[in-house]
Protein backbone atom coordinates (compact mmCIF):
# COMPACT_ATOMS: atom_id res chain seq x y z
CA MET A 1 -91.11 45.87 23.41
CA SER A 2 -91.83 50.03 22.28
CA GLU A 3 -88.76 51.44 20.97
CA GLN A 4 -88.55 53.67 24.06
CA THR A 5 -87.47 50.87 26.20
CA GLU A 6 -85.38 49.07 23.51
CA GLY A 7 -82.19 50.47 23.43
CA LYS A 8 -81.89 51.00 26.94
CA MET A 9 -82.09 47.44 28.10
CA GLY A 10 -79.91 44.40 27.62
CA PHE A 11 -76.46 43.79 26.27
CA THR A 12 -76.39 47.08 24.58
CA GLY A 13 -73.01 48.88 23.52
CA PHE A 14 -73.75 51.74 26.07
CA ALA A 15 -74.30 49.50 28.86
CA GLU A 16 -71.75 47.52 28.21
CA THR A 17 -69.02 50.33 27.70
CA TRP A 18 -70.06 51.45 31.58
CA ASN A 19 -70.10 48.11 32.49
CA GLY A 20 -66.52 47.59 31.36
CA ARG A 21 -65.53 51.52 32.80
CA LEU A 22 -66.41 50.59 36.02
CA ALA A 23 -64.76 47.36 36.34
CA MET A 24 -61.59 48.74 35.34
CA LEU A 25 -62.01 51.47 37.89
CA GLY A 26 -62.24 48.62 40.46
CA PHE A 27 -59.48 46.51 39.50
CA VAL A 28 -57.26 49.75 40.11
CA ILE A 29 -58.78 50.65 42.90
CA GLY A 30 -58.27 47.17 44.28
CA ILE A 31 -54.50 46.93 43.20
CA ALA A 32 -54.31 50.58 44.78
CA THR A 33 -55.67 49.43 47.83
CA GLU A 34 -53.00 46.25 48.30
CA LEU A 35 -50.36 48.55 47.67
CA MET A 36 -51.41 50.80 50.63
CA THR A 37 -52.19 48.27 53.18
CA GLY A 38 -49.76 45.38 51.93
CA GLN A 39 -52.83 42.81 52.24
CA GLY A 40 -54.65 41.12 49.41
CA ILE A 41 -58.35 41.98 49.26
CA LEU A 42 -59.30 38.28 51.25
CA SER A 43 -57.05 39.40 53.77
CA GLN A 44 -59.03 42.59 54.36
CA ILE A 45 -62.01 41.39 54.39
CA GLY A 46 -61.00 38.59 57.13
CA LEU A 47 -61.46 35.52 54.34
CA MET A 48 -57.93 34.45 55.10
């Protein structure tokens, strides 16, 4: 692998930081949606 692509692929600190941030954002949006609608996520998408 060349030096240019070595830091941009795989489990890098940068990628894991953004992955964590987006996961937290998705979790907060999911909880907020449940509070606003009164239904769980599975009910909203028709699985329950």
